[in-house]
């Protein structure tokens, strides 16, 4: 009964496709610990939306969205490709505040221009999923399939660069190319969802589903699929709720659903949920896991160019260890025993005592870590 209306079905389908695209790109940002970049890129797109209207007095969507694509891509490249990780948060905050303030100033000026009544620029702030027509749905479908195909073709390379770019470079992967690809995919996500979800809320649809998915599993493939599912369901449910409740912005409704998924995940997810964590406090680690993780750290150290105390990110260790839910606890136990250590960047590496322990275990398998 809910989808007897063809228009409502199209609105829900278009929002679900936007959610799929956002969920895919958001997964990479979560793995890179750069989720704030999504908000910076969405706010940076606001001046790009208004400037074409002010400069050439056009209300054509292709012209307006071209400005969004240019500004969004430029901001994404700056944040993910050129700016150092240590300065990323500062530049993200700077881009967000300056872009949003400048964009609102331009919006106020645009209201007095001829033709402003023909297009409601303010709807780009809070979103309106009803603007998507059949042609837009087909385009969104092609975009979602293309982005998914890119991930399937270059999955190993994208994941390696997201976890540890230096390690990827030492393995012969063109890290700069995939960093640029991640930035472009982020800009595409903002571009496809800007009109339906809005400048203010599109960043949430990109980042929060993957954060929620990360609570359920450490497996990167599962995080990718769950993020797509959460984002698609939230987009579909939010757009339907906005259509059935006049006056409710689509972006706000979508945000409500996706944040509900995240809240539930933070509470009950078996991997990292707050309630489940209480049951794992007294968990006794198995000896084979200790040895297995030490051997993994040693193997990673042998494959890498010698950089004193560099180590490897916990995300990479999680992925290669097989998605074990107790990796964090094992690393802490090994650190207490002096067999592993982490540096200032939070990267883990095997110590000299750990190397000696591995050699001891190789000759005396029955000896245990105490």
Protein backbone atom coordinates (compact mmCIF):
# COMPACT_ATOMS: atom_id res chain seq x y z
CA UNK A 1 0.00 0.00 0.00
CA UNK A 2 2.87 2.31 0.84
CA UNK A 3 4.35 2.08 -2.65
CA UNK A 4 1.11 2.22 -4.64
CA UNK A 5 2.16 5.74 -5.53
CA UNK A 6 4.70 5.58 -8.34
CA UNK A 7 6.12 8.95 -7.30
CA UNK A 8 6.71 7.80 -3.73
CA UNK A 9 8.41 4.65 -5.02
CA UNK A 10 10.73 6.73 -7.21
CA UNK A 11 11.58 9.02 -4.30
CA UNK A 12 12.39 6.05 -2.04
CA UNK A 13 14.44 4.29 -4.72
CA UNK A 14 16.48 7.39 -5.57
CA UNK A 15 17.24 8.00 -1.88
CA UNK A 16 18.26 4.36 -1.44
CA UNK A 17 20.65 4.61 -4.41
CA UNK A 18 22.14 7.80 -2.95
CA UNK A 19 22.59 5.91 0.31
CA UNK A 20 24.43 3.11 -1.48
CA UNK A 21 26.87 5.56 -3.07
CA UNK A 22 27.43 7.41 0.20
CA UNK A 23 27.90 4.17 2.15
CA UNK A 24 30.63 2.99 -0.22
CA UNK A 25 32.69 6.16 -0.08
CA UNK A 26 32.11 6.52 3.67
CA UNK A 27 33.66 3.10 4.28
CA UNK A 28 36.98 4.36 2.94
CA UNK A 29 36.85 7.49 5.09
CA UNK A 30 36.23 5.38 8.19
CA UNK A 31 39.19 3.13 7.40
CA UNK A 32 41.35 6.23 6.84
CA UNK A 33 40.13 7.85 10.08
CA UNK A 34 39.10 10.88 8.02
CA UNK A 35 35.32 10.95 8.46
CA UNK A 36 35.31 14.70 9.13
CA UNK A 37 36.44 15.25 5.53
CA UNK A 38 32.90 14.40 4.34
CA UNK A 39 31.44 17.36 6.22
CA UNK A 40 34.17 19.70 4.98
CA UNK A 41 33.55 18.66 1.35
CA UNK A 42 29.77 19.04 1.68
CA UNK A 43 30.09 22.53 3.14
CA UNK A 44 32.73 23.44 0.56
CA UNK A 45 30.24 22.59 -2.19
CA UNK A 46 27.82 25.31 -1.06
CA UNK A 47 29.75 28.24 -2.62
CA UNK A 48 30.15 26.13 -5.76
CA UNK A 49 26.39 25.80 -5.95
CA UNK A 50 25.62 29.51 -5.73
CA UNK A 51 28.51 31.02 -7.69
CA UNK A 52 27.36 29.76 -11.14
CA UNK A 53 23.95 31.30 -10.50
CA UNK A 54 25.50 34.64 -9.54
CA UNK A 55 28.08 34.69 -12.34
CA UNK A 56 26.03 33.56 -15.33
CA UNK A 57 22.47 33.95 -13.97
CA UNK A 58 21.51 30.40 -14.87
CA UNK A 59 19.08 28.09 -13.11
CA UNK A 60 20.06 24.98 -15.06
CA UNK A 61 20.95 22.09 -12.81
CA UNK A 62 23.97 20.98 -14.81
CA UNK A 63 25.57 24.40 -14.36
CA UNK A 64 24.84 24.56 -10.63
CA UNK A 65 26.07 21.02 -10.00
CA UNK A 66 29.19 21.66 -12.08
CA UNK A 67 30.21 24.25 -9.51
CA UNK A 68 29.48 21.74 -6.75
CA UNK A 69 31.64 19.13 -8.47
CA UNK A 70 34.56 21.54 -8.88
CA UNK A 71 34.56 22.89 -5.34
CA UNK A 72 33.82 19.52 -3.76
CA UNK A 73 36.57 17.73 -5.66
CA UNK A 74 39.07 20.49 -4.87
CA UNK A 75 38.28 20.30 -1.15
CA UNK A 76 38.44 16.49 -1.11
CA UNK A 77 41.79 16.43 -2.90
CA UNK A 78 43.22 18.98 -0.49
CA UNK A 79 42.07 17.06 2.58
CA UNK A 80 42.81 13.49 1.52
CA UNK A 81 45.69 13.91 -0.89
CA UNK A 82 47.79 16.95 -0.05
CA UNK A 83 47.27 17.84 3.62
CA UNK A 84 49.30 16.04 6.28
CA UNK A 85 47.32 13.82 8.68
CA UNK A 86 48.50 15.86 11.65
CA UNK A 87 46.99 19.04 10.19
CA UNK A 88 43.87 17.47 8.65
CA UNK A 89 41.53 18.24 11.54
CA UNK A 90 42.59 21.89 11.63
CA UNK A 91 42.16 22.32 7.87
CA UNK A 92 38.84 20.47 8.00
CA UNK A 93 37.48 22.89 10.59
CA UNK A 94 38.81 25.83 8.58
CA UNK A 95 37.23 24.66 5.34
CA UNK A 96 33.90 23.92 7.03
CA UNK A 97 33.55 27.29 8.73
CA UNK A 98 34.81 29.42 5.86
CA UNK A 99 32.87 27.55 3.18
CA UNK A 100 29.58 27.53 5.05
CA UNK A 101 29.87 31.19 6.05
CA UNK A 102 30.82 32.26 2.53
CA UNK A 103 28.09 30.06 1.05
CA UNK A 104 25.39 31.56 3.27
CA UNK A 105 26.59 35.04 2.31
CA UNK A 106 26.26 34.14 -1.36
CA UNK A 107 22.81 32.65 -0.76
CA UNK A 108 21.64 35.90 0.80
CA UNK A 109 22.96 37.83 -2.20
CA UNK A 110 21.36 35.39 -4.66
CA UNK A 111 17.88 36.07 -3.29
CA UNK A 112 17.95 39.54 -4.87
CA UNK A 113 19.01 38.33 -8.34
CA UNK A 114 16.53 37.95 -11.22
CA UNK A 115 15.43 34.35 -11.60
CA UNK A 116 15.95 33.44 -7.96
CA UNK A 117 12.29 32.54 -7.66
CA UNK A 118 12.69 29.88 -10.37
CA UNK A 119 14.94 27.75 -8.21
CA UNK A 120 14.87 27.40 -4.43
CA UNK A 121 18.55 27.37 -3.54
CA UNK A 122 17.73 27.08 0.14
CA UNK A 123 16.36 23.58 -0.38
CA UNK A 124 19.93 22.48 -1.02
CA UNK A 125 20.63 23.14 2.65
CA UNK A 126 18.14 20.62 4.09
CA UNK A 127 17.36 18.45 1.07
CA UNK A 128 14.29 17.46 -0.90
CA UNK A 129 14.23 13.90 -2.25
CA UNK A 130 11.12 14.65 -4.32
CA UNK A 131 13.25 16.54 -6.87
CA UNK A 132 14.59 13.25 -8.31
CA UNK A 133 12.75 12.18 -11.44
CA UNK A 134 12.99 8.98 -13.47
CA UNK A 135 16.01 10.20 -15.44
CA UNK A 136 17.79 11.01 -12.18
CA UNK A 137 17.07 7.51 -10.88
CA UNK A 138 18.66 5.94 -13.94
CA UNK A 139 21.70 8.17 -13.58
CA UNK A 140 21.96 7.34 -9.87
CA UNK A 141 21.72 3.64 -10.69
CA UNK A 142 24.52 3.87 -13.27
CA UNK A 143 26.63 5.84 -10.80
CA UNK A 144 26.09 3.32 -7.99
CA UNK A 145 26.99 0.41 -10.28
CA UNK A 146 30.11 2.21 -11.52
CA UNK A 147 31.33 3.03 -8.01
CA UNK A 148 30.66 -0.54 -6.86
CA UNK A 149 32.56 -1.89 -9.87
CA UNK A 150 35.55 0.29 -8.99
CA UNK A 151 35.62 -1.15 -5.50
CA UNK A 152 35.38 -4.71 -6.80
CA UNK A 153 38.20 -4.20 -9.32
CA UNK A 154 40.59 -2.39 -6.98
CA UNK A 155 39.48 -3.69 -3.58
CA UNK A 156 42.89 -4.86 -2.37
CA UNK A 157 44.64 -1.70 -3.51
CA UNK A 158 42.02 0.65 -2.05
CA UNK A 159 42.04 -1.13 1.31
CA UNK A 160 45.84 -1.24 1.47
CA UNK A 161 46.13 2.49 0.78
CA UNK A 162 43.35 3.31 3.26
CA UNK A 163 45.00 1.33 6.05
CA UNK A 164 48.64 2.27 5.53
CA UNK A 165 49.73 4.34 2.49
CA UNK A 166 53.43 3.89 3.27
CA UNK A 167 53.08 0.13 3.39
CA UNK A 168 51.12 0.24 0.12
CA UNK A 169 53.87 2.25 -1.57
CA UNK A 170 56.52 -0.20 -0.40
CA UNK A 171 54.40 -3.00 -1.94
CA UNK A 172 54.39 -1.28 -5.34
CA UNK A 173 50.82 0.08 -5.19
CA UNK A 174 50.37 3.57 -6.73
CA UNK A 175 49.12 5.11 -3.48
CA UNK A 176 48.72 8.62 -4.89
CA UNK A 177 46.36 7.39 -7.59
CA UNK A 178 44.10 5.63 -5.08
CA UNK A 179 44.23 8.58 -2.69
CA UNK A 180 42.97 10.74 -5.55
CA UNK A 181 40.34 8.13 -6.40
CA UNK A 182 39.05 8.20 -2.80
CA UNK A 183 38.80 12.00 -2.98
CA UNK A 184 36.88 11.85 -6.26
CA UNK A 185 34.48 9.22 -4.91
CA UNK A 186 33.82 11.44 -1.90
CA UNK A 187 33.04 14.38 -4.20
CA UNK A 188 30.74 12.14 -6.28
CA UNK A 189 28.85 11.12 -3.13
CA UNK A 190 28.32 14.74 -2.15
CA UNK A 191 27.31 15.66 -5.70
CA UNK A 192 24.70 12.89 -6.05
CA UNK A 193 23.12 13.46 -2.65
CA UNK A 194 23.38 17.22 -2.26
CA UNK A 195 19.98 18.12 -3.71
CA UNK A 196 18.04 15.26 -2.10
CA UNK A 197 19.72 15.14 1.33
CA UNK A 198 21.10 18.68 1.67
CA UNK A 199 24.44 20.33 2.43
CA UNK A 200 23.94 20.10 6.18
CA UNK A 201 23.01 16.41 6.31
CA UNK A 202 24.83 14.69 3.43
CA UNK A 203 28.02 14.34 5.49
CA UNK A 204 26.11 12.30 8.06
CA UNK A 205 24.78 9.90 5.43
CA UNK A 206 28.33 9.39 4.15
CA UNK A 207 30.09 8.79 7.46
CA UNK A 208 27.68 7.44 10.08
CA UNK A 209 26.62 4.18 8.30
CA UNK A 210 30.22 2.99 8.06
CA UNK A 211 30.87 3.98 11.69
CA UNK A 212 27.81 1.96 12.73
CA UNK A 213 28.92 -0.98 10.59
CA UNK A 214 32.38 -0.88 12.17
CA UNK A 215 30.82 -1.65 15.54
CA UNK A 216 29.53 -5.01 14.29
CA UNK A 217 32.65 -6.42 12.68
CA UNK A 218 36.36 -5.90 12.03
CA UNK A 219 36.18 -7.47 8.58
CA UNK A 220 36.58 -4.76 5.94
CA UNK A 221 34.34 -6.49 3.43
CA UNK A 222 31.56 -6.88 5.96
CA UNK A 223 31.92 -3.23 7.02
CA UNK A 224 31.60 -2.23 3.35
CA UNK A 225 28.41 -4.25 2.82
CA UNK A 226 26.82 -3.24 6.13
CA UNK A 227 27.55 0.45 5.48
CA UNK A 228 25.82 0.22 2.12
CA UNK A 229 22.84 -1.50 3.72
CA UNK A 230 22.51 0.96 6.60
CA UNK A 231 22.80 3.98 4.29
CA UNK A 232 20.34 2.60 1.73
CA UNK A 233 17.73 1.72 4.38
CA UNK A 234 18.13 5.09 6.09
CA UNK A 235 17.85 6.94 2.78
CA UNK A 236 14.75 5.00 1.76
CA UNK A 237 13.01 5.25 5.16
CA UNK A 238 13.92 8.91 5.62
CA UNK A 239 12.65 9.96 2.21
CA UNK A 240 9.36 8.10 2.72
CA UNK A 241 8.92 9.67 6.17
CA UNK A 242 9.59 13.13 4.72
CA UNK A 243 7.08 12.50 1.94
CA UNK A 244 4.38 11.36 4.35
CA UNK A 245 5.02 14.13 6.90
CA UNK A 246 4.74 17.52 5.18
CA UNK A 247 7.26 20.05 6.44
CA UNK A 248 9.83 17.44 7.51
CA UNK A 249 13.10 17.99 5.57
CA UNK A 250 14.36 14.87 3.82
CA UNK A 251 17.89 15.35 5.14
CA UNK A 252 16.70 15.58 8.73
CA UNK A 253 14.57 12.45 8.41
CA UNK A 254 17.42 10.47 6.84
CA UNK A 255 19.79 11.66 9.57
CA UNK A 256 17.35 10.55 12.25
CA UNK A 257 17.21 7.02 10.88
CA UNK A 258 20.93 6.63 10.25
CA UNK A 259 21.83 7.97 13.69
CA UNK A 260 19.33 5.53 15.23
CA UNK A 261 21.19 2.68 13.53
CA UNK A 262 24.46 4.03 14.92
CA UNK A 263 23.08 4.36 18.45
CA UNK A 264 21.79 0.79 18.43
CA UNK A 265 25.12 -0.42 17.08
CA UNK A 266 27.11 1.39 19.76
CA UNK A 267 24.95 -0.27 22.43
CA UNK A 268 24.46 -3.89 21.34
CA UNK A 269 26.94 -4.70 18.55
CA UNK A 270 28.82 -7.89 19.57
CA UNK A 271 32.21 -6.64 18.37
CA UNK A 272 32.44 -3.20 20.01
CA UNK A 273 29.07 -2.53 21.63
CA UNK A 274 29.09 -0.95 25.09
CA UNK A 275 26.87 -3.64 26.62
CA UNK A 276 28.81 -6.49 25.05
CA UNK A 277 32.10 -4.98 26.17
CA UNK A 278 31.10 -5.55 29.78
CA UNK A 279 30.88 -9.27 29.14
CA UNK A 280 34.34 -9.34 27.54
CA UNK A 281 36.25 -7.67 30.37
CA UNK A 282 37.08 -10.99 32.04
CA UNK A 283 37.73 -12.83 28.79
CA UNK A 284 40.85 -14.99 28.99
CA UNK A 285 42.94 -14.72 25.86
CA UNK A 286 44.02 -17.94 24.22
CA UNK A 287 47.72 -18.54 23.93
CA UNK A 288 47.61 -19.37 20.18
CA UNK A 289 46.17 -15.90 19.49
CA UNK A 290 49.12 -14.25 21.26
CA UNK A 291 51.64 -16.18 19.21
CA UNK A 292 49.69 -15.75 15.98
CA UNK A 293 49.54 -11.98 16.37
CA UNK A 294 53.25 -11.77 17.22
CA UNK A 295 54.08 -13.73 14.08
CA UNK A 296 51.90 -11.36 12.05
CA UNK A 297 53.76 -8.31 13.44
CA UNK A 298 57.06 -9.97 12.66
CA UNK A 299 55.94 -10.78 9.11
CA UNK A 300 54.81 -7.19 8.51
CA UNK A 301 58.11 -5.89 9.84
CA UNK A 302 60.03 -8.16 7.46
CA UNK A 303 58.04 -6.96 4.43
CA UNK A 304 58.52 -3.28 5.17
CA UNK A 305 61.43 -0.98 4.48
CA UNK A 306 63.37 -0.46 7.72
CA UNK A 307 61.92 2.61 9.44
CA UNK A 308 62.85 2.74 13.10
CA UNK A 309 59.79 2.38 15.33
CA UNK A 310 57.26 2.94 12.53
CA UNK A 311 55.01 -0.08 13.02
CA UNK A 312 51.62 -0.66 11.42
CA UNK A 313 48.12 0.68 11.96
CA UNK A 314 45.72 -1.33 14.12
CA UNK A 315 43.24 -1.29 11.23
CA UNK A 316 45.70 -3.17 9.01
CA UNK A 317 46.50 -5.61 11.81
CA UNK A 318 42.77 -6.18 12.41
CA UNK A 319 42.17 -6.95 8.73
CA UNK A 320 45.13 -9.31 8.33
CA UNK A 321 44.53 -11.08 11.63
CA UNK A 322 41.19 -12.31 10.33
CA UNK A 323 38.73 -9.91 11.93
CA UNK A 324 39.24 -11.22 15.49
CA UNK A 325 37.23 -9.20 17.98
CA UNK A 326 39.98 -9.37 20.64
CA UNK A 327 42.88 -7.84 18.69
CA UNK A 328 42.90 -4.70 20.83
CA UNK A 329 43.04 -6.74 24.03
CA UNK A 330 45.76 -9.05 22.68
CA UNK A 331 47.92 -6.09 21.67
CA UNK A 332 47.55 -4.54 25.11
CA UNK A 333 48.49 -7.82 26.78
CA UNK A 334 51.53 -8.19 24.54
CA UNK A 335 52.50 -4.60 25.35
CA UNK A 336 52.31 -5.29 29.08
CA UNK A 337 54.57 -8.33 28.59
CA UNK A 338 57.01 -6.25 26.54
CA UNK A 339 56.56 -8.34 23.40
CA UNK A 340 54.95 -5.57 21.32
CA UNK A 341 54.79 -1.77 21.50
CA UNK A 342 53.09 1.19 19.87
CA UNK A 343 54.58 4.53 18.87
CA UNK A 344 53.22 8.08 19.07
CA UNK A 345 51.08 7.58 15.95
CA UNK A 346 49.42 4.51 17.47
CA UNK A 347 51.24 2.12 15.10
CA UNK A 348 52.19 -1.29 16.53
CA UNK A 349 55.43 -3.24 16.06
CA UNK A 350 57.13 -6.26 17.55
CA UNK A 351 59.87 -5.64 20.10
CA UNK A 352 63.22 -7.40 20.41
CA UNK A 353 61.78 -9.48 23.27
CA UNK A 354 58.93 -10.43 20.98
CA UNK A 355 61.38 -11.55 18.30
CA UNK A 356 63.20 -13.68 20.86
CA UNK A 357 59.95 -15.14 22.11
CA UNK A 358 58.95 -16.20 18.59
CA UNK A 359 62.31 -17.93 18.16
CA UNK A 360 61.81 -19.66 21.51
CA UNK A 361 58.31 -20.85 20.60
CA UNK A 362 59.63 -22.20 17.31
CA UNK A 363 61.96 -24.55 19.21
CA UNK A 364 59.79 -25.03 22.31
CA UNK A 365 56.12 -25.04 21.25
CA UNK A 366 54.91 -25.96 24.70
CA UNK A 367 56.23 -22.80 26.38
CA UNK A 368 53.56 -20.21 27.16
CA UNK A 369 53.55 -16.46 27.59
CA UNK A 370 53.07 -15.53 31.24
